[in-house]
Protein backbone atom coordinates (compact mmCIF):
# COMPACT_ATOMS: atom_id res chain seq x y z
CA ALA A 1 -9.57 -26.74 8.41
CA SER A 2 -11.59 -24.08 6.72
CA LYS A 3 -9.70 -21.17 5.17
CA LEU A 4 -11.61 -18.76 7.39
CA ALA A 5 -10.42 -20.56 10.52
CA ILE A 6 -6.74 -20.43 9.52
CA ARG A 7 -6.66 -16.92 8.10
CA GLU A 8 -4.26 -14.38 9.52
CA VAL A 9 -5.28 -10.74 9.76
CA VAL A 10 -2.27 -8.47 9.35
CA PRO A 11 -3.03 -4.92 10.48
CA ILE A 12 -1.23 -2.09 8.71
CA ASP A 13 -0.69 1.26 10.39
CA ILE A 14 0.30 3.74 7.69
CA ALA A 15 1.69 6.21 10.22
CA ASN A 16 3.54 4.01 12.70
CA ASP A 17 4.63 0.81 10.93
CA ALA A 18 8.33 0.69 10.17
CA ILE A 19 9.24 1.07 6.51
CA LYS A 20 12.50 0.40 4.72
CA SER A 21 14.74 3.44 4.35
CA GLY A 22 14.77 2.96 0.58
CA ASP A 23 10.96 3.18 0.54
CA TYR A 24 10.81 6.38 2.57
CA ASN A 25 9.66 9.56 0.84
CA VAL A 26 8.84 12.64 2.91
CA ASP A 27 5.99 13.43 0.47
CA TYR A 28 4.31 10.17 1.52
CA ASP A 29 4.87 10.39 5.27
CA PRO A 30 1.50 10.60 7.08
CA LYS A 31 3.28 12.02 10.14
CA LYS A 32 4.44 15.02 8.10
CA TYR A 33 1.42 15.35 5.82
CA ASN A 34 -0.26 18.63 6.71
CA TYR A 35 -3.47 18.65 4.69
CA PRO A 36 -6.91 18.63 6.38
CA ARG A 37 -6.63 14.96 7.44
CA GLY A 38 -3.10 15.02 8.73
CA PRO A 39 -0.59 14.84 10.19
CA LEU A 40 -1.10 11.47 11.86
CA ILE A 41 1.23 12.10 14.78
CA ASP A 42 -0.52 10.36 17.67
CA ALA A 43 0.23 6.68 18.26
CA ASP A 44 -3.52 6.14 18.64
CA TRP A 45 -4.52 8.23 15.61
CA LYS A 46 -6.99 5.52 14.52
CA ASP A 47 -9.01 6.25 17.66
CA THR A 48 -8.84 10.06 17.41
CA VAL A 49 -9.12 10.85 13.67
CA ASP A 50 -12.50 11.08 11.97
CA PRO A 51 -13.24 9.63 9.47
CA VAL A 52 -11.11 6.48 9.42
CA MET A 53 -11.27 3.97 6.59
CA THR A 54 -10.68 0.28 7.12
CA CYS A 55 -9.77 -1.84 4.11
CA TYR A 56 -9.56 -5.61 3.94
CA LYS A 57 -7.56 -7.27 1.20
CA LEU A 58 -7.62 -11.01 0.75
CA VAL A 59 -4.25 -12.45 -0.16
CA GLU A 60 -4.00 -16.19 -0.49
CA ILE A 61 -0.48 -17.60 -0.56
CA ASP A 62 -0.15 -21.31 -1.25
CA PHE A 63 3.33 -22.52 -2.15
CA ILE A 64 3.16 -26.23 -2.91
CA TRP A 65 6.79 -27.25 -2.34
CA ARG A 66 6.72 -28.37 1.29
CA LEU A 67 10.45 -28.18 2.03
CA ILE A 68 10.70 -24.44 1.45
CA GLY A 69 7.01 -23.55 1.36
CA GLY A 70 6.83 -21.90 4.78
CA LYS A 71 9.81 -19.63 4.10
CA VAL A 72 8.56 -18.66 0.66
CA GLU A 73 5.06 -17.98 1.97
CA ARG A 74 6.43 -15.78 4.79
CA PHE A 75 8.62 -13.91 2.29
CA ILE A 76 5.66 -13.30 -0.03
CA GLY A 77 3.54 -12.19 2.94
CA ASP A 78 6.24 -9.71 4.00
CA VAL A 79 6.45 -8.32 0.47
CA GLU A 80 2.65 -7.97 0.32
CA LYS A 81 2.60 -6.06 3.62
CA ARG A 82 5.39 -3.78 2.39
CA LEU A 83 3.51 -3.16 -0.86
CA PHE A 84 0.19 -2.40 0.88
CA THR A 85 1.85 -0.18 3.50
CA ASN A 86 3.69 1.92 0.93
CA PHE A 87 0.66 2.13 -1.37
CA HIS A 88 -1.70 3.27 1.38
CA ARG A 89 0.81 5.83 2.69
CA GLN A 90 0.96 7.27 -0.82
CA LEU A 91 -2.80 7.12 -1.20
CA PHE A 92 -3.41 8.97 2.06
CA CYS A 93 -0.84 11.66 1.31
CA THR A 94 -2.13 12.33 -2.20
CA HIS A 95 -5.89 12.24 -1.62
CA PHE A 96 -6.08 16.01 -2.13
CA THR A 97 -5.15 15.46 -5.79
CA TRP A 98 -7.90 12.94 -6.51
CA GLY A 99 -10.49 13.36 -3.76
CA ASP A 100 -12.68 15.79 -5.71
CA MET A 101 -12.36 14.16 -9.14
CA THR A 102 -15.41 13.40 -11.27
CA MET A 103 -15.77 10.03 -13.01
CA ALA A 104 -14.74 11.69 -16.29
CA ASP A 105 -11.61 13.05 -14.58
CA ILE A 106 -10.80 9.56 -13.26
CA ARG A 107 -11.24 7.95 -16.69
CA ALA A 108 -8.96 10.59 -18.27
CA LEU A 109 -6.32 10.00 -15.58
CA GLU A 110 -6.58 6.24 -16.10
CA ALA A 111 -6.02 6.64 -19.85
CA GLU A 112 -3.08 8.97 -19.29
CA THR A 113 -1.54 6.61 -16.71
CA LYS A 114 -1.99 3.60 -19.00
CA ALA A 115 -0.24 5.39 -21.87
CA GLU A 116 2.61 6.42 -19.56
CA LEU A 117 3.03 2.89 -18.17
CA ASP A 118 2.95 1.37 -21.67
CA THR A 119 5.75 3.74 -22.70
CA GLN A 120 7.78 2.92 -19.59
CA ARG A 121 7.38 -0.82 -20.14
CA GLU A 122 8.66 -0.44 -23.69
CA THR A 123 11.67 1.73 -22.84
CA ALA A 124 12.72 1.21 -19.21
CA GLY A 125 14.01 -1.68 -17.16
CA LEU A 126 12.38 -3.29 -14.16
CA LYS A 127 11.14 -1.02 -11.39
CA GLY A 128 9.22 -1.43 -8.16
CA THR A 129 9.79 -3.30 -4.94
CA ALA A 130 11.98 -6.06 -6.37
CA GLU A 131 14.91 -5.16 -4.11
CA MET A 132 14.58 -6.43 -0.55
């Protein structure tokens, strides 16, 4: 079968999808975010808020060991959804800090972030969504 025919579209609702308690941060809660585009308190906010952005991300998961492949692929898919949900919640709730940036501002922020991440990689242990 073609990949297009077997694809699975996984919708993400940044306001209403459940998130793990360890991932929750009130600063990144679209239901509490009170800037011009929030809060997203209605269950049907996607139909009532303007503008709304739709993003599609292609994730291809192909685990070749057949005995455990399905479980591993589902696990990876769940982790990807968690990652995208948390990232887009943070993105929405911080757009006021980057929404008006010029390209020069963005390049400066990228350089600063790269330097900070390089320092963290050299001095700190693992971080991120490794804990399930």
